[in-house]
Amino acid sequence: IESGGGLVQAGGSLRVSCVASTTMFESYAMA
């Protein structure tokens, strides 16, 4: 589940996040 998107002005900053449902998150590479 991604979140954190939105509208920003050029030159600005934004952080998007992705939460995984698995309890074995350490088993996965992410991209």
PDB file of all heavy atoms in Angstrom:
ATOM      1  N   ILE A   1       0.843  -1.186   0.000  1.00  0.00           N
ATOM      2  CA  ILE A   1       0.000   0.000   0.000  1.00  0.00           C
ATOM      3  C   ILE A   1       0.879   1.236   0.000  1.00  0.00           C
ATOM      4  O   ILE A   1       1.575   1.508   0.986  1.00  0.00           O
ATOM      5  CB  ILE A   1      -0.952   0.024   1.205  1.00  0.00           C
ATOM      6  CG1 ILE A   1      -1.770  -1.270   1.283  1.00  0.00           C
ATOM      7  CG2 ILE A   1      -1.865   1.242   1.124  1.00  0.00           C
ATOM      8  CD1 ILE A   1      -2.677  -1.494   0.105  1.00  0.00           C
ATOM      9  N   GLU A   2       0.818   1.986  -1.089  1.00  0.00           N
ATOM     10  CA  GLU A   2       1.581   3.220  -1.199  1.00  0.00           C
ATOM     11  C   GLU A   2       0.789   4.390  -0.638  1.00  0.00           C
ATOM     12  O   GLU A   2      -0.441   4.393  -0.656  1.00  0.00           O
ATOM     13  CB  GLU A   2       1.938   3.527  -2.656  1.00  0.00           C
ATOM     14  CG  GLU A   2       2.748   2.447  -3.355  1.00  0.00           C
ATOM     15  CD  GLU A   2       1.899   1.529  -4.198  1.00  0.00           C
ATOM     16  OE1 GLU A   2       0.698   1.368  -3.892  1.00  0.00           O
ATOM     17  OE2 GLU A   2       2.430   0.963  -5.170  1.00  0.00           O
ATOM     18  N   SER A   3       1.517   5.386  -0.174  1.00  0.00           N
ATOM     19  CA  SER A   3       0.899   6.607   0.301  1.00  0.00           C
ATOM     20  C   SER A   3       1.916   7.741   0.208  1.00  0.00           C
ATOM     21  O   SER A   3       3.097   7.515  -0.027  1.00  0.00           O
ATOM     22  CB  SER A   3       0.398   6.466   1.742  1.00  0.00           C
ATOM     23  OG  SER A   3       1.475   6.233   2.636  1.00  0.00           O
ATOM     24  N   GLY A   4       1.453   8.945   0.397  1.00  0.00           N
ATOM     25  CA  GLY A   4       2.335  10.098   0.450  1.00  0.00           C
ATOM     26  C   GLY A   4       2.421  10.900  -0.824  1.00  0.00           C
ATOM     27  O   GLY A   4       3.092  11.939  -0.848  1.00  0.00           O
ATOM     28  N   GLY A   5       1.768  10.444  -1.876  1.00  0.00           N
ATOM     29  CA  GLY A   5       1.770  11.213  -3.102  1.00  0.00           C
ATOM     30  C   GLY A   5       0.959  12.483  -2.953  1.00  0.00           C
ATOM     31  O   GLY A   5       0.207  12.664  -1.989  1.00  0.00           O
ATOM     32  N   GLY A   6       1.122  13.369  -3.914  1.00  0.00           N
ATOM     33  CA  GLY A   6       0.392  14.622  -3.873  1.00  0.00           C
ATOM     34  C   GLY A   6       0.925  15.602  -4.884  1.00  0.00           C
ATOM     35  O   GLY A   6       1.667  15.241  -5.804  1.00  0.00           O
ATOM     36  N   LEU A   7       0.544  16.846  -4.703  1.00  0.00           N
ATOM     37  CA  LEU A   7       0.933  17.931  -5.598  1.00  0.00           C
ATOM     38  C   LEU A   7       1.995  18.783  -4.929  1.00  0.00           C
ATOM     39  O   LEU A   7       1.798  19.256  -3.803  1.00  0.00           O
ATOM     40  CB  LEU A   7      -0.287  18.784  -5.946  1.00  0.00           C
ATOM     41  CG  LEU A   7      -0.042  20.044  -6.770  1.00  0.00           C
ATOM     42  CD1 LEU A   7       0.484  19.677  -8.155  1.00  0.00           C
ATOM     43  CD2 LEU A   7      -1.324  20.854  -6.872  1.00  0.00           C
ATOM     44  N   VAL A   8       3.107  18.970  -5.619  1.00  0.00           N
ATOM     45  CA  VAL A   8       4.184  19.816  -5.117  1.00  0.00           C
ATOM     46  C   VAL A   8       4.678  20.715  -6.234  1.00  0.00           C
ATOM     47  O   VAL A   8       4.506  20.416  -7.418  1.00  0.00           O
ATOM     48  CB  VAL A   8       5.361  18.997  -4.541  1.00  0.00           C
ATOM     49  CG1 VAL A   8       4.910  18.172  -3.349  1.00  0.00           C
ATOM     50  CG2 VAL A   8       5.953  18.095  -5.618  1.00  0.00           C
ATOM     51  N   GLN A   9       5.305  21.806  -5.853  1.00  0.00           N
ATOM     52  CA  GLN A   9       5.894  22.710  -6.825  1.00  0.00           C
ATOM     53  C   GLN A   9       7.282  22.228  -7.229  1.00  0.00           C
ATOM     54  O   GLN A   9       7.965  21.545  -6.463  1.00  0.00           O
ATOM     55  CB  GLN A   9       5.990  24.121  -6.256  1.00  0.00           C
ATOM     56  CG  GLN A   9       4.648  24.776  -5.987  1.00  0.00           C
ATOM     57  CD  GLN A   9       4.790  26.203  -5.489  1.00  0.00           C
ATOM     58  OE1 GLN A   9       5.889  26.744  -5.420  1.00  0.00           O
ATOM     59  NE2 GLN A   9       3.674  26.815  -5.152  1.00  0.00           N
ATOM     60  N   ALA A  10       7.678  22.573  -8.436  1.00  0.00           N
ATOM     61  CA  ALA A  10       9.024  22.240  -8.888  1.00  0.00           C
ATOM     62  C   ALA A  10      10.052  22.751  -7.892  1.00  0.00           C
ATOM     63  O   ALA A  10       9.956  23.873  -7.399  1.00  0.00           O
ATOM     64  CB  ALA A  10       9.279  22.828 -10.267  1.00  0.00           C
ATOM     65  N   GLY A  11      11.037  21.910  -7.618  1.00  0.00           N
ATOM     66  CA  GLY A  11      12.050  22.230  -6.628  1.00  0.00           C
ATOM     67  C   GLY A  11      11.712  21.775  -5.231  1.00  0.00           C
ATOM     68  O   GLY A  11      12.581  21.801  -4.350  1.00  0.00           O
ATOM     69  N   GLY A  12      10.499  21.348  -5.024  1.00  0.00           N
ATOM     70  CA  GLY A  12      10.073  20.897  -3.718  1.00  0.00           C
ATOM     71  C   GLY A  12      10.427  19.455  -3.447  1.00  0.00           C
ATOM     72  O   GLY A  12      11.066  18.781  -4.257  1.00  0.00           O
ATOM     73  N   SER A  13       9.986  18.978  -2.296  1.00  0.00           N
ATOM     74  CA  SER A  13      10.294  17.624  -1.854  1.00  0.00           C
ATOM     75  C   SER A  13       9.024  16.886  -1.457  1.00  0.00           C
ATOM     76  O   SER A  13       8.021  17.494  -1.073  1.00  0.00           O
ATOM     77  CB  SER A  13      11.250  17.652  -0.654  1.00  0.00           C
ATOM     78  OG  SER A  13      12.490  18.229  -0.989  1.00  0.00           O
ATOM     79  N   LEU A  14       9.117  15.576  -1.535  1.00  0.00           N
ATOM     80  CA  LEU A  14       8.004  14.726  -1.163  1.00  0.00           C
ATOM     81  C   LEU A  14       8.563  13.358  -0.783  1.00  0.00           C
ATOM     82  O   LEU A  14       9.542  12.904  -1.384  1.00  0.00           O
ATOM     83  CB  LEU A  14       7.024  14.593  -2.320  1.00  0.00           C
ATOM     84  CG  LEU A  14       5.608  14.075  -2.029  1.00  0.00           C
ATOM     85  CD1 LEU A  14       4.845  15.070  -1.161  1.00  0.00           C
ATOM     86  CD2 LEU A  14       4.867  13.835  -3.339  1.00  0.00           C
ATOM     87  N   ARG A  15       7.956  12.719   0.196  1.00  0.00           N
ATOM     88  CA  ARG A  15       8.324  11.358   0.551  1.00  0.00           C
ATOM     89  C   ARG A  15       7.121  10.452   0.397  1.00  0.00           C
ATOM     90  O   ARG A  15       6.075  10.689   1.008  1.00  0.00           O
ATOM     91  CB  ARG A  15       8.861  11.271   1.984  1.00  0.00           C
ATOM     92  CG  ARG A  15       9.413   9.888   2.317  1.00  0.00           C
ATOM     93  CD  ARG A  15       9.955   9.779   3.726  1.00  0.00           C
ATOM     94  NE  ARG A  15       8.886   9.742   4.719  1.00  0.00           N
ATOM     95  CZ  ARG A  15       9.062   9.377   5.990  1.00  0.00           C
ATOM     96  NH1 ARG A  15      10.266   9.032   6.421  1.00  0.00           N
ATOM     97  NH2 ARG A  15       8.041   9.393   6.826  1.00  0.00           N
ATOM     98  N   VAL A  16       7.279   9.422  -0.428  1.00  0.00           N
ATOM     99  CA  VAL A  16       6.241   8.426  -0.571  1.00  0.00           C
ATOM    100  C   VAL A  16       6.631   7.184   0.214  1.00  0.00           C
ATOM    101  O   VAL A  16       7.811   6.890   0.386  1.00  0.00           O
ATOM    102  CB  VAL A  16       5.957   8.078  -2.047  1.00  0.00           C
ATOM    103  CG1 VAL A  16       5.309   9.272  -2.747  1.00  0.00           C
ATOM    104  CG2 VAL A  16       7.228   7.679  -2.780  1.00  0.00           C
ATOM    105  N   SER A  17       5.631   6.475   0.691  1.00  0.00           N
ATOM    106  CA  SER A  17       5.846   5.311   1.529  1.00  0.00           C
ATOM    107  C   SER A  17       5.094   4.119   0.970  1.00  0.00           C
ATOM    108  O   SER A  17       4.097   4.273   0.267  1.00  0.00           O
ATOM    109  CB  SER A  17       5.364   5.571   2.963  1.00  0.00           C
ATOM    110  OG  SER A  17       5.994   6.695   3.528  1.00  0.00           O
ATOM    111  N   CYS A  18       5.566   2.943   1.308  1.00  0.00           N
ATOM    112  CA  CYS A  18       4.901   1.708   0.921  1.00  0.00           C
ATOM    113  C   CYS A  18       4.964   0.753   2.096  1.00  0.00           C
ATOM    114  O   CYS A  18       6.052   0.393   2.548  1.00  0.00           O
ATOM    115  CB  CYS A  18       5.573   1.101  -0.311  1.00  0.00           C
ATOM    116  SG  CYS A  18       4.917  -0.505  -0.804  1.00  0.00           S
ATOM    117  N   VAL A  19       3.809   0.349   2.584  1.00  0.00           N
ATOM    118  CA  VAL A  19       3.711  -0.574   3.703  1.00  0.00           C
ATOM    119  C   VAL A  19       3.325  -1.948   3.176  1.00  0.00           C
ATOM    120  O   VAL A  19       2.367  -2.080   2.413  1.00  0.00           O
ATOM    121  CB  VAL A  19       2.688  -0.087   4.737  1.00  0.00           C
ATOM    122  CG1 VAL A  19       2.578  -1.079   5.887  1.00  0.00           C
ATOM    123  CG2 VAL A  19       3.077   1.285   5.268  1.00  0.00           C
ATOM    124  N   ALA A  20       4.051  -2.960   3.597  1.00  0.00           N
ATOM    125  CA  ALA A  20       3.794  -4.333   3.185  1.00  0.00           C
ATOM    126  C   ALA A  20       3.049  -5.087   4.272  1.00  0.00           C
ATOM    127  O   ALA A  20       3.324  -4.917   5.463  1.00  0.00           O
ATOM    128  CB  ALA A  20       5.098  -5.048   2.863  1.00  0.00           C
ATOM    129  N   SER A  21       2.134  -5.941   3.858  1.00  0.00           N
ATOM    130  CA  SER A  21       1.324  -6.685   4.818  1.00  0.00           C
ATOM    131  C   SER A  21       2.050  -7.867   5.427  1.00  0.00           C
ATOM    132  O   SER A  21       1.654  -8.354   6.473  1.00  0.00           O
ATOM    133  CB  SER A  21       0.045  -7.177   4.143  1.00  0.00           C
ATOM    134  OG  SER A  21       0.339  -8.097   3.104  1.00  0.00           O
ATOM    135  N   THR A  22       3.103  -8.319   4.792  1.00  0.00           N
ATOM    136  CA  THR A  22       3.796  -9.519   5.236  1.00  0.00           C
ATOM    137  C   THR A  22       4.553  -9.301   6.535  1.00  0.00           C
ATOM    138  O   THR A  22       5.074  -8.218   6.798  1.00  0.00           O
ATOM    139  CB  THR A  22       4.769 -10.018   4.157  1.00  0.00           C
ATOM    140  OG1 THR A  22       5.445 -11.192   4.629  1.00  0.00           O
ATOM    141  CG2 THR A  22       5.827  -8.959   3.840  1.00  0.00           C
ATOM    142  N   THR A  23       4.619 -10.363   7.337  1.00  0.00           N
ATOM    143  CA  THR A  23       5.438 -10.331   8.541  1.00  0.00           C
ATOM    144  C   THR A  23       6.883 -10.716   8.245  1.00  0.00           C
ATOM    145  O   THR A  23       7.727 -10.642   9.139  1.00  0.00           O
ATOM    146  CB  THR A  23       4.880 -11.278   9.616  1.00  0.00           C
ATOM    147  OG1 THR A  23       4.830 -12.616   9.102  1.00  0.00           O
ATOM    148  CG2 THR A  23       3.489 -10.850  10.029  1.00  0.00           C
ATOM    149  N   MET A  24       7.149 -11.121   6.997  1.00  0.00           N
ATOM    150  CA  MET A  24       8.485 -11.498   6.571  1.00  0.00           C
ATOM    151  C   MET A  24       9.047 -10.457   5.611  1.00  0.00           C
ATOM    152  O   MET A  24       9.618 -10.786   4.576  1.00  0.00           O
ATOM    153  CB  MET A  24       8.459 -12.876   5.908  1.00  0.00           C
ATOM    154  CG  MET A  24       8.035 -13.994   6.840  1.00  0.00           C
ATOM    155  SD  MET A  24       9.201 -14.218   8.212  1.00  0.00           S
ATOM    156  CE  MET A  24      10.660 -14.749   7.333  1.00  0.00           C
ATOM    157  N   PHE A  25       8.892  -9.210   5.975  1.00  0.00           N
ATOM    158  CA  PHE A  25       9.334  -8.127   5.115  1.00  0.00           C
ATOM    159  C   PHE A  25      10.816  -8.220   4.794  1.00  0.00           C
ATOM    160  O   PHE A  25      11.250  -7.845   3.701  1.00  0.00           O
ATOM    161  CB  PHE A  25       9.007  -6.790   5.786  1.00  0.00           C
ATOM    162  CG  PHE A  25       9.298  -5.584   4.947  1.00  0.00           C
ATOM    163  CD1 PHE A  25       8.584  -5.339   3.788  1.00  0.00           C
ATOM    164  CD2 PHE A  25      10.279  -4.689   5.329  1.00  0.00           C
ATOM    165  CE1 PHE A  25       8.836  -4.216   3.012  1.00  0.00           C
ATOM    166  CE2 PHE A  25      10.538  -3.559   4.561  1.00  0.00           C
ATOM    167  CZ  PHE A  25       9.817  -3.326   3.402  1.00  0.00           C
ATOM    168  N   GLU A  26      11.593  -8.726   5.738  1.00  0.00           N
ATOM    169  CA  GLU A  26      13.036  -8.833   5.546  1.00  0.00           C
ATOM    170  C   GLU A  26      13.418  -9.806   4.438  1.00  0.00           C
ATOM    171  O   GLU A  26      14.559  -9.795   3.985  1.00  0.00           O
ATOM    172  CB  GLU A  26      13.716  -9.259   6.852  1.00  0.00           C
ATOM    173  CG  GLU A  26      13.577  -8.267   7.997  1.00  0.00           C
ATOM    174  CD  GLU A  26      12.327  -8.501   8.827  1.00  0.00           C
ATOM    175  OE1 GLU A  26      11.444  -9.272   8.398  1.00  0.00           O
ATOM    176  OE2 GLU A  26      12.229  -7.914   9.923  1.00  0.00           O
ATOM    177  N   SER A  27      12.486 -10.648   3.996  1.00  0.00           N
ATOM    178  CA  SER A  27      12.769 -11.613   2.942  1.00  0.00           C
ATOM    179  C   SER A  27      12.724 -11.002   1.548  1.00  0.00           C
ATOM    180  O   SER A  27      13.092 -11.666   0.582  1.00  0.00           O
ATOM    181  CB  SER A  27      11.776 -12.779   2.999  1.00  0.00           C
ATOM    182  OG  SER A  27      11.881 -13.476   4.226  1.00  0.00           O
ATOM    183  N   TYR A  28      12.272  -9.772   1.443  1.00  0.00           N
ATOM    184  CA  TYR A  28      12.028  -9.153   0.152  1.00  0.00           C
ATOM    185  C   TYR A  28      12.956  -7.987  -0.123  1.00  0.00           C
ATOM    186  O   TYR A  28      13.180  -7.132   0.741  1.00  0.00           O
ATOM    187  CB  TYR A  28      10.580  -8.660   0.063  1.00  0.00           C
ATOM    188  CG  TYR A  28       9.564  -9.761   0.112  1.00  0.00           C
ATOM    189  CD1 TYR A  28       9.023 -10.177   1.321  1.00  0.00           C
ATOM    190  CD2 TYR A  28       9.146 -10.383  -1.057  1.00  0.00           C
ATOM    191  CE1 TYR A  28       8.090 -11.198   1.368  1.00  0.00           C
ATOM    192  CE2 TYR A  28       8.213 -11.400  -1.020  1.00  0.00           C
ATOM    193  CZ  TYR A  28       7.691 -11.803   0.200  1.00  0.00           C
ATOM    194  OH  TYR A  28       6.757 -12.813   0.233  1.00  0.00           O
ATOM    195  N   ALA A  29      13.469  -7.969  -1.341  1.00  0.00           N
ATOM    196  CA  ALA A  29      14.020  -6.739  -1.869  1.00  0.00           C
ATOM    197  C   ALA A  29      12.870  -5.869  -2.353  1.00  0.00           C
ATOM    198  O   ALA A  29      11.832  -6.381  -2.780  1.00  0.00           O
ATOM    199  CB  ALA A  29      14.980  -7.029  -3.016  1.00  0.00           C
ATOM    200  N   MET A  30      13.039  -4.578  -2.275  1.00  0.00           N
ATOM    201  CA  MET A  30      11.968  -3.656  -2.615  1.00  0.00           C
ATOM    202  C   MET A  30      12.423  -2.682  -3.685  1.00  0.00           C
ATOM    203  O   MET A  30      13.614  -2.410  -3.842  1.00  0.00           O
ATOM    204  CB  MET A  30      11.513  -2.879  -1.372  1.00  0.00           C
ATOM    205  CG  MET A  30      11.008  -3.752  -0.234  1.00  0.00           C
ATOM    206  SD  MET A  30       9.507  -4.670  -0.665  1.00  0.00           S
ATOM    207  CE  MET A  30       8.343  -3.316  -0.926  1.00  0.00           C
ATOM    208  N   ALA A  31      11.457  -2.140  -4.395  1.00  0.00           N
ATOM    209  CA  ALA A  31      11.775  -1.206  -5.467  1.00  0.00           C
ATOM    210  C   ALA A  31      10.650  -0.214  -5.660  1.00  0.00           C
ATOM    211  O   ALA A  31       9.507  -0.443  -5.243  1.00  0.00           O
ATOM    212  CB  ALA A  31      12.044  -1.950  -6.776  1.00  0.00           C
TER     213      ALA A  31
END
